[in-house]
Amino acid sequence: MERQQGSPTRMFRLKMYPAKNGDAFLIEDLLEEIESDIQLSRVSDGLEAMAFLQQNPPYQTAKIPDLILLDLNMPRMDGRQVLKAIRENQSLCHLPVVILTTSDARFDINHSYLEGGNCYIIKPSGIHKLMSMLKNMSHFWGQIAQLPKPSFGSRSVSSPSSDSREP
């Protein structure tokens, strides 16, 4: 489905936690090529991912992402542990987490959903399939899905305000 002329574009921040730097560079290049509305930043392993999300040094001024793209097969702290830590953290548990990994193991799929993953995508083989998947993901999370406001996780949920209602 094409974006209609004049329809609003929503930029969103995506934090990527890849198992391999080569995958990260390829995904970054493809997102740029498809002119995605995603502002991508990345880290190299699970411990760095949690430091970033918790704004620990050297990430004290890091912006919390709108969406997390998580690989299960990361060094030092794997994606399963990162997902569990995100869901156990009151300030982070609201963040949508998309698992993007090479594993097609039924255990990994089931476990990721049980631990609170919002989506599980098996990394497609081939650049054209990967590009198509990224276009679809960008469209869904950037144009269709409604994401929580960045401040949502930092305070308690209150009753709906007038700005949250449709006219």
Foldseek 3Di string as FASTA:
>chain_A
DDDDPPDDWFAWEEEEEDQDVVVVVLLVVLCVVVVFSYDYDYDQFLVVVVCCQVCHPPRVPHQHGLAYEAEQNHPPAGRLRSLLVQCVDLLRNQHAYEYEYQDPDPCVVVSCVVSPHPYYHHQDPDSVVNSVVSVVVRCCVGPPDDTDDSCPSVDDDDDDDPVVDDD
